[in-house]
PDB file of all heavy atoms in Angstrom:
ATOM      1  N   ALA A   1     -69.500 127.658 140.451  1.00  0.00           N
ATOM      2  CA  ALA A   1     -70.748 126.884 140.366  1.00  0.00           C
ATOM      3  C   ALA A   1     -70.657 125.717 139.386  1.00  0.00           C
ATOM      4  O   ALA A   1     -71.097 124.601 139.697  1.00  0.00           O
ATOM      5  CB  ALA A   1     -71.905 127.804 139.995  1.00  0.00           C
ATOM      6  N   GLU A   2     -70.123 125.948 138.188  1.00  0.00           N
ATOM      7  CA  GLU A   2     -70.041 124.854 137.218  1.00  0.00           C
ATOM      8  C   GLU A   2     -69.183 123.711 137.745  1.00  0.00           C
ATOM      9  O   GLU A   2     -69.538 122.534 137.580  1.00  0.00           O
ATOM     10  CB  GLU A   2     -69.488 125.367 135.885  1.00  0.00           C
ATOM     11  CG  GLU A   2     -70.467 126.178 135.067  1.00  0.00           C
ATOM     12  CD  GLU A   2     -69.946 126.507 133.680  1.00  0.00           C
ATOM     13  OE1 GLU A   2     -68.708 126.634 133.505  1.00  0.00           O
ATOM     14  OE2 GLU A   2     -70.771 126.645 132.765  1.00  0.00           O
ATOM     15  N   GLU A   3     -68.052 124.034 138.370  1.00  0.00           N
ATOM     16  CA  GLU A   3     -67.188 122.990 138.909  1.00  0.00           C
ATOM     17  C   GLU A   3     -67.878 122.200 140.014  1.00  0.00           C
ATOM     18  O   GLU A   3     -67.748 120.971 140.101  1.00  0.00           O
ATOM     19  CB  GLU A   3     -65.888 123.594 139.448  1.00  0.00           C
ATOM     20  CG  GLU A   3     -64.916 124.075 138.386  1.00  0.00           C
ATOM     21  CD  GLU A   3     -65.156 125.529 138.000  1.00  0.00           C
ATOM     22  OE1 GLU A   3     -66.228 126.093 138.337  1.00  0.00           O
ATOM     23  OE2 GLU A   3     -64.262 126.104 137.343  1.00  0.00           O
ATOM     24  N   ILE A   4     -68.646 122.893 140.857  1.00  0.00           N
ATOM     25  CA  ILE A   4     -69.348 122.220 141.952  1.00  0.00           C
ATOM     26  C   ILE A   4     -70.419 121.285 141.404  1.00  0.00           C
ATOM     27  O   ILE A   4     -70.550 120.139 141.857  1.00  0.00           O
ATOM     28  CB  ILE A   4     -69.945 123.261 142.915  1.00  0.00           C
ATOM     29  CG1 ILE A   4     -68.813 123.950 143.689  1.00  0.00           C
ATOM     30  CG2 ILE A   4     -70.947 122.618 143.876  1.00  0.00           C
ATOM     31  CD1 ILE A   4     -69.246 125.172 144.461  1.00  0.00           C
ATOM     32  N   ILE A   5     -71.164 121.748 140.413  1.00  0.00           N
ATOM     33  CA  ILE A   5     -72.168 120.886 139.801  1.00  0.00           C
ATOM     34  C   ILE A   5     -71.500 119.695 139.127  1.00  0.00           C
ATOM     35  O   ILE A   5     -71.981 118.557 139.222  1.00  0.00           O
ATOM     36  CB  ILE A   5     -73.017 121.681 138.789  1.00  0.00           C
ATOM     37  CG1 ILE A   5     -73.829 122.749 139.511  1.00  0.00           C
ATOM     38  CG2 ILE A   5     -73.948 120.751 138.009  1.00  0.00           C
ATOM     39  CD1 ILE A   5     -74.439 123.783 138.591  1.00  0.00           C
ATOM     40  N   GLY A   6     -70.371 119.932 138.440  1.00  0.00           N
ATOM     41  CA  GLY A   6     -69.638 118.838 137.813  1.00  0.00           C
ATOM     42  C   GLY A   6     -69.184 117.804 138.819  1.00  0.00           C
ATOM     43  O   GLY A   6     -69.301 116.590 138.584  1.00  0.00           O
ATOM     44  N   SER A   7     -68.676 118.254 139.956  1.00  0.00           N
ATOM     45  CA  SER A   7     -68.260 117.329 141.014  1.00  0.00           C
ATOM     46  C   SER A   7     -69.454 116.527 141.519  1.00  0.00           C
ATOM     47  O   SER A   7     -69.357 115.317 141.750  1.00  0.00           O
ATOM     48  CB  SER A   7     -67.634 118.104 142.179  1.00  0.00           C
ATOM     49  OG  SER A   7     -66.455 118.751 141.774  1.00  0.00           O
ATOM     50  N   TYR A   8     -70.569 117.199 141.684  1.00  0.00           N
ATOM     51  CA  TYR A   8     -71.790 116.523 142.150  1.00  0.00           C
ATOM     52  C   TYR A   8     -72.208 115.437 141.171  1.00  0.00           C
ATOM     53  O   TYR A   8     -72.521 114.305 141.568  1.00  0.00           O
ATOM     54  CB  TYR A   8     -72.908 117.543 142.317  1.00  0.00           C
ATOM     55  CG  TYR A   8     -74.240 116.942 142.673  1.00  0.00           C
ATOM     56  CD1 TYR A   8     -74.530 116.586 143.988  1.00  0.00           C
ATOM     57  CD2 TYR A   8     -75.205 116.721 141.694  1.00  0.00           C
ATOM     58  CE1 TYR A   8     -75.755 116.025 144.314  1.00  0.00           C
ATOM     59  CE2 TYR A   8     -76.436 116.165 142.020  1.00  0.00           C
ATOM     60  CZ  TYR A   8     -76.705 115.821 143.329  1.00  0.00           C
ATOM     61  OH  TYR A   8     -77.915 115.264 143.657  1.00  0.00           O
ATOM     62  N   LEU A   9     -72.217 115.766 139.889  1.00  0.00           N
ATOM     63  CA  LEU A   9     -72.646 114.793 138.891  1.00  0.00           C
ATOM     64  C   LEU A   9     -71.676 113.616 138.799  1.00  0.00           C
ATOM     65  O   LEU A   9     -72.106 112.478 138.559  1.00  0.00           O
ATOM     66  CB  LEU A   9     -72.795 115.475 137.525  1.00  0.00           C
ATOM     67  CG  LEU A   9     -73.934 116.496 137.426  1.00  0.00           C
ATOM     68  CD1 LEU A   9     -73.914 117.204 136.086  1.00  0.00           C
ATOM     69  CD2 LEU A   9     -75.289 115.830 137.652  1.00  0.00           C
ATOM     70  N   ARG A  10     -70.396 113.870 139.002  1.00  0.00           N
ATOM     71  CA  ARG A  10     -69.437 112.760 139.007  1.00  0.00           C
ATOM     72  C   ARG A  10     -69.665 111.846 140.197  1.00  0.00           C
ATOM     73  O   ARG A  10     -69.612 110.621 140.073  1.00  0.00           O
ATOM     74  CB  ARG A  10     -68.006 113.300 139.012  1.00  0.00           C
ATOM     75  CG  ARG A  10     -67.558 113.897 137.684  1.00  0.00           C
ATOM     76  CD  ARG A  10     -66.050 114.101 137.637  1.00  0.00           C
ATOM     77  NE  ARG A  10     -65.590 115.021 138.669  1.00  0.00           N
ATOM     78  CZ  ARG A  10     -65.551 116.350 138.521  1.00  0.00           C
ATOM     79  NH1 ARG A  10     -65.966 116.906 137.380  1.00  0.00           N
ATOM     80  NH2 ARG A  10     -65.093 117.120 139.487  1.00  0.00           N
ATOM     81  N   VAL A  11     -69.934 112.430 141.354  1.00  0.00           N
ATOM     82  CA  VAL A  11     -70.150 111.636 142.570  1.00  0.00           C
ATOM     83  C   VAL A  11     -71.451 110.854 142.482  1.00  0.00           C
ATOM     84  O   VAL A  11     -71.528 109.676 142.843  1.00  0.00           O
ATOM     85  CB  VAL A  11     -70.166 112.562 143.814  1.00  0.00           C
ATOM     86  CG1 VAL A  11     -70.649 111.799 145.050  1.00  0.00           C
ATOM     87  CG2 VAL A  11     -68.782 113.141 144.062  1.00  0.00           C
ATOM     88  N   ARG A  12     -72.499 111.514 141.988  1.00  0.00           N
ATOM     89  CA  ARG A  12     -73.822 110.878 141.942  1.00  0.00           C
ATOM     90  C   ARG A  12     -74.021 110.027 140.691  1.00  0.00           C
ATOM     91  O   ARG A  12     -74.977 109.266 140.604  1.00  0.00           O
ATOM     92  CB  ARG A  12     -74.920 111.948 141.993  1.00  0.00           C
ATOM     93  CG  ARG A  12     -74.944 112.735 143.288  1.00  0.00           C
ATOM     94  CD  ARG A  12     -75.277 111.855 144.485  1.00  0.00           C
ATOM     95  NE  ARG A  12     -75.448 112.635 145.686  1.00  0.00           N
ATOM     96  CZ  ARG A  12     -74.496 112.850 146.604  1.00  0.00           C
ATOM     97  NH1 ARG A  12     -73.291 112.318 146.426  1.00  0.00           N
ATOM     98  NH2 ARG A  12     -74.746 113.570 147.671  1.00  0.00           N
ATOM     99  N   GLY A  13     -73.151 110.178 139.727  1.00  0.00           N
ATOM    100  CA  GLY A  13     -73.293 109.396 138.503  1.00  0.00           C
ATOM    101  C   GLY A  13     -74.417 109.913 137.635  1.00  0.00           C
ATOM    102  O   GLY A  13     -74.876 111.043 137.760  1.00  0.00           O
ATOM    103  N   LYS A  14     -74.894 109.074 136.770  1.00  0.00           N
ATOM    104  CA  LYS A  14     -75.907 109.474 135.784  1.00  0.00           C
ATOM    105  C   LYS A  14     -77.341 109.278 136.279  1.00  0.00           C
ATOM    106  O   LYS A  14     -78.290 109.566 135.566  1.00  0.00           O
ATOM    107  CB  LYS A  14     -75.726 108.660 134.489  1.00  0.00           C
ATOM    108  CG  LYS A  14     -74.356 108.772 133.865  1.00  0.00           C
ATOM    109  CD  LYS A  14     -74.114 110.155 133.286  1.00  0.00           C
ATOM    110  CE  LYS A  14     -72.775 110.208 132.557  1.00  0.00           C
ATOM    111  NZ  LYS A  14     -72.489 111.541 132.011  1.00  0.00           N
ATOM    112  N   LYS A  15     -77.494 108.775 137.515  1.00  0.00           N
ATOM    113  CA  LYS A  15     -78.835 108.345 137.933  1.00  0.00           C
ATOM    114  C   LYS A  15     -79.844 109.487 137.972  1.00  0.00           C
ATOM    115  O   LYS A  15     -81.042 109.268 137.802  1.00  0.00           O
ATOM    116  CB  LYS A  15     -78.772 107.661 139.304  1.00  0.00           C
ATOM    117  CG  LYS A  15     -78.350 108.569 140.449  1.00  0.00           C
ATOM    118  CD  LYS A  15     -78.431 107.825 141.784  1.00  0.00           C
ATOM    119  CE  LYS A  15     -78.076 108.748 142.949  1.00  0.00           C
ATOM    120  NZ  LYS A  15     -78.240 108.065 144.239  1.00  0.00           N
ATOM    121  N   HIS A  16     -79.371 110.719 138.217  1.00  0.00           N
ATOM    122  CA  HIS A  16     -80.317 111.809 138.357  1.00  0.00           C
ATOM    123  C   HIS A  16     -80.805 112.354 137.015  1.00  0.00           C
ATOM    124  O   HIS A  16     -81.910 112.883 136.927  1.00  0.00           O
ATOM    125  CB  HIS A  16     -79.698 112.953 139.169  1.00  0.00           C
ATOM    126  CG  HIS A  16     -79.536 112.615 140.620  1.00  0.00           C
ATOM    127  ND1 HIS A  16     -80.391 111.783 141.284  1.00  0.00           N
ATOM    128  CD2 HIS A  16     -78.620 113.020 141.529  1.00  0.00           C
ATOM    129  CE1 HIS A  16     -80.006 111.677 142.543  1.00  0.00           C
ATOM    130  NE2 HIS A  16     -78.952 112.403 142.716  1.00  0.00           N
ATOM    131  N   LYS A  17     -79.993 112.238 135.981  1.00  0.00           N
ATOM    132  CA  LYS A  17     -80.357 112.740 134.649  1.00  0.00           C
ATOM    133  C   LYS A  17     -80.826 114.196 134.699  1.00  0.00           C
ATOM    134  O   LYS A  17     -81.862 114.559 134.137  1.00  0.00           O
ATOM    135  CB  LYS A  17     -81.420 111.842 134.018  1.00  0.00           C
ATOM    136  CG  LYS A  17     -80.941 110.421 133.758  1.00  0.00           C
ATOM    137  CD  LYS A  17     -82.002 109.579 133.090  1.00  0.00           C
ATOM    138  CE  LYS A  17     -81.494 108.170 132.842  1.00  0.00           C
ATOM    139  NZ  LYS A  17     -82.517 107.296 132.212  1.00  0.00           N
ATOM    140  N   LEU A  18     -80.067 114.993 135.388  1.00  0.00           N
ATOM    141  CA  LEU A  18     -80.417 116.404 135.501  1.00  0.00           C
ATOM    142  C   LEU A  18     -80.212 117.133 134.183  1.00  0.00           C
ATOM    143  O   LEU A  18     -79.239 116.888 133.463  1.00  0.00           O
ATOM    144  CB  LEU A  18     -79.545 117.072 136.571  1.00  0.00           C
ATOM    145  CG  LEU A  18     -79.939 116.797 138.024  1.00  0.00           C
ATOM    146  CD1 LEU A  18     -78.841 117.273 138.961  1.00  0.00           C
ATOM    147  CD2 LEU A  18     -81.242 117.493 138.368  1.00  0.00           C
ATOM    148  N   LYS A  19     -81.130 118.038 133.882  1.00  0.00           N
ATOM    149  CA  LYS A  19     -80.970 118.908 132.725  1.00  0.00           C
ATOM    150  C   LYS A  19     -80.231 120.160 133.194  1.00  0.00           C
ATOM    151  O   LYS A  19     -80.673 120.825 134.137  1.00  0.00           O
ATOM    152  CB  LYS A  19     -82.341 119.274 132.147  1.00  0.00           C
ATOM    153  CG  LYS A  19     -83.091 118.091 131.561  1.00  0.00           C
ATOM    154  CD  LYS A  19     -84.403 118.501 130.930  1.00  0.00           C
ATOM    155  CE  LYS A  19     -85.435 118.839 131.978  1.00  0.00           C
ATOM    156  NZ  LYS A  19     -86.772 119.100 131.374  1.00  0.00           N
ATOM    157  N   VAL A  20     -79.108 120.459 132.550  1.00  0.00           N
ATOM    158  CA  VAL A  20     -78.268 121.581 132.965  1.00  0.00           C
ATOM    159  C   VAL A  20     -78.272 122.661 131.887  1.00  0.00           C
ATOM    160  O   VAL A  20     -78.020 122.385 130.714  1.00  0.00           O
ATOM    161  CB  VAL A  20     -76.822 121.136 133.243  1.00  0.00           C
ATOM    162  CG1 VAL A  20     -75.985 122.320 133.717  1.00  0.00           C
ATOM    163  CG2 VAL A  20     -76.793 120.020 134.289  1.00  0.00           C
ATOM    164  N   ILE A  21     -78.568 123.875 132.324  1.00  0.00           N
ATOM    165  CA  ILE A  21     -78.516 125.042 131.444  1.00  0.00           C
ATOM    166  C   ILE A  21     -77.370 125.925 131.908  1.00  0.00           C
ATOM    167  O   ILE A  21     -77.255 126.229 133.099  1.00  0.00           O
ATOM    168  CB  ILE A  21     -79.833 125.836 131.514  1.00  0.00           C
ATOM    169  CG1 ILE A  21     -80.995 124.972 131.026  1.00  0.00           C
ATOM    170  CG2 ILE A  21     -79.741 127.129 130.703  1.00  0.00           C
ATOM    171  CD1 ILE A  21     -82.357 125.547 131.354  1.00  0.00           C
ATOM    172  N   SER A  22     -76.500 126.320 130.972  1.00  0.00           N
ATOM    173  CA  SER A  22     -75.413 127.233 131.327  1.00  0.00           C
ATOM    174  C   SER A  22     -75.394 128.400 130.354  1.00  0.00           C
ATOM    175  O   SER A  22     -76.225 128.485 129.444  1.00  0.00           O
ATOM    176  CB  SER A  22     -74.062 126.512 131.355  1.00  0.00           C
ATOM    177  OG  SER A  22     -73.089 127.317 131.991  1.00  0.00           O
ATOM    178  N   LYS A  23     -74.426 129.291 130.561  1.00  0.00           N
ATOM    179  CA  LYS A  23     -74.411 130.528 129.781  1.00  0.00           C
ATOM    180  C   LYS A  23     -72.983 130.904 129.386  1.00  0.00           C
ATOM    181  O   LYS A  23     -72.033 130.678 130.141  1.00  0.00           O
ATOM    182  CB  LYS A  23     -75.028 131.678 130.584  1.00  0.00           C
ATOM    183  CG  LYS A  23     -76.412 131.381 131.133  1.00  0.00           C
ATOM    184  CD  LYS A  23     -76.957 132.521 131.966  1.00  0.00           C
ATOM    185  CE  LYS A  23     -78.167 132.065 132.764  1.00  0.00           C
ATOM    186  NZ  LYS A  23     -77.791 131.253 133.934  1.00  0.00           N
ATOM    187  N   LEU A  24     -72.886 131.498 128.208  1.00  0.00           N
ATOM    188  CA  LEU A  24     -71.622 132.036 127.717  1.00  0.00           C
ATOM    189  C   LEU A  24     -71.147 133.156 128.635  1.00  0.00           C
ATOM    190  O   LEU A  24     -71.938 133.989 129.068  1.00  0.00           O
ATOM    191  CB  LEU A  24     -71.826 132.584 126.301  1.00  0.00           C
ATOM    192  CG  LEU A  24     -70.616 133.189 125.595  1.00  0.00           C
ATOM    193  CD1 LEU A  24     -69.624 132.109 125.218  1.00  0.00           C
ATOM    194  CD2 LEU A  24     -71.071 133.969 124.357  1.00  0.00           C
ATOM    195  N   ARG A  25     -69.864 133.170 128.930  1.00  0.00           N
ATOM    196  CA  ARG A  25     -69.331 134.232 129.800  1.00  0.00           C
ATOM    197  C   ARG A  25     -69.662 135.619 129.260  1.00  0.00           C
ATOM    198  O   ARG A  25     -69.547 135.872 128.057  1.00  0.00           O
ATOM    199  CB  ARG A  25     -67.809 134.103 129.928  1.00  0.00           C
ATOM    200  CG  ARG A  25     -67.362 133.095 130.958  1.00  0.00           C
ATOM    201  CD  ARG A  25     -65.889 133.254 131.261  1.00  0.00           C
ATOM    202  NE  ARG A  25     -65.059 133.019 130.094  1.00  0.00           N
ATOM    203  CZ  ARG A  25     -63.938 133.688 129.810  1.00  0.00           C
ATOM    204  NH1 ARG A  25     -63.535 134.672 130.589  1.00  0.00           N
ATOM    205  NH2 ARG A  25     -63.241 133.386 128.739  1.00  0.00           N
ATOM    206  N   PRO A  26     -70.075 136.546 130.128  1.00  0.00           N
ATOM    207  CA  PRO A  26     -70.424 137.899 129.666  1.00  0.00           C
ATOM    208  C   PRO A  26     -69.231 138.601 129.019  1.00  0.00           C
ATOM    209  O   PRO A  26     -68.092 138.471 129.466  1.00  0.00           O
ATOM    210  CB  PRO A  26     -70.836 138.619 130.958  1.00  0.00           C
ATOM    211  CG  PRO A  26     -71.183 137.534 131.926  1.00  0.00           C
ATOM    212  CD  PRO A  26     -70.288 136.380 131.568  1.00  0.00           C
ATOM    213  N   ASN A  27     -69.515 139.314 127.957  1.00  0.00           N
ATOM    214  CA  ASN A  27     -68.528 140.187 127.300  1.00  0.00           C
ATOM    215  C   ASN A  27     -67.256 139.457 126.875  1.00  0.00           C
ATOM    216  O   ASN A  27     -66.202 140.064 126.741  1.00  0.00           O
ATOM    217  CB  ASN A  27     -68.162 141.357 128.229  1.00  0.00           C
ATOM    218  CG  ASN A  27     -69.385 142.109 128.709  1.00  0.00           C
ATOM    219  OD1 ASN A  27     -70.275 142.423 127.932  1.00  0.00           O
ATOM    220  ND2 ASN A  27     -69.457 142.375 129.999  1.00  0.00           N
ATOM    221  N   VAL A  28     -67.363 138.153 126.632  1.00  0.00           N
ATOM    222  CA  VAL A  28     -66.173 137.357 126.343  1.00  0.00           C
ATOM    223  C   VAL A  28     -65.642 137.595 124.932  1.00  0.00           C
ATOM    224  O   VAL A  28     -64.476 137.308 124.639  1.00  0.00           O
ATOM    225  CB  VAL A  28     -66.474 135.856 126.561  1.00  0.00           C
ATOM    226  CG1 VAL A  28     -67.411 135.318 125.484  1.00  0.00           C
ATOM    227  CG2 VAL A  28     -65.194 135.039 126.634  1.00  0.00           C
ATOM    228  N   ILE A  29     -66.471 138.153 124.061  1.00  0.00           N
ATOM    229  CA  ILE A  29     -66.063 138.302 122.655  1.00  0.00           C
ATOM    230  C   ILE A  29     -65.456 139.674 122.384  1.00  0.00           C
ATOM    231  O   ILE A  29     -64.790 139.867 121.373  1.00  0.00           O
ATOM    232  CB  ILE A  29     -67.267 138.042 121.725  1.00  0.00           C
ATOM    233  CG1 ILE A  29     -67.731 136.597 121.901  1.00  0.00           C
ATOM    234  CG2 ILE A  29     -66.941 138.303 120.265  1.00  0.00           C
ATOM    235  CD1 ILE A  29     -69.018 136.269 121.190  1.00  0.00           C
ATOM    236  N   GLU A  30     -65.637 140.629 123.284  1.00  0.00           N
ATOM    237  CA  GLU A  30     -65.183 141.997 123.014  1.00  0.00           C
ATOM    238  C   GLU A  30     -63.718 142.029 122.556  1.00  0.00           C
ATOM    239  O   GLU A  30     -62.821 141.601 123.279  1.00  0.00           O
ATOM    240  CB  GLU A  30     -65.273 142.867 124.261  1.00  0.00           C
ATOM    241  CG  GLU A  30     -66.633 143.076 124.919  1.00  0.00           C
ATOM    242  CD  GLU A  30     -67.846 142.751 124.102  1.00  0.00           C
ATOM    243  OE1 GLU A  30     -68.277 143.575 123.305  1.00  0.00           O
ATOM    244  OE2 GLU A  30     -68.400 141.674 124.292  1.00  0.00           O
ATOM    245  N   GLY A  31     -63.502 142.540 121.338  1.00  0.00           N
ATOM    246  CA  GLY A  31     -62.148 142.719 120.827  1.00  0.00           C
ATOM    247  C   GLY A  31     -61.448 141.445 120.417  1.00  0.00           C
ATOM    248  O   GLY A  31     -60.256 141.458 120.127  1.00  0.00           O
TER     249      GLY A  31
END
């Protein structure tokens, strides 16, 4: 999903000014 949104924003440029919310990968810190 992040890569697809990134591709979209590159193709469409800055004109949309979309606000993007993302999240830290689950359980990424364990150990």
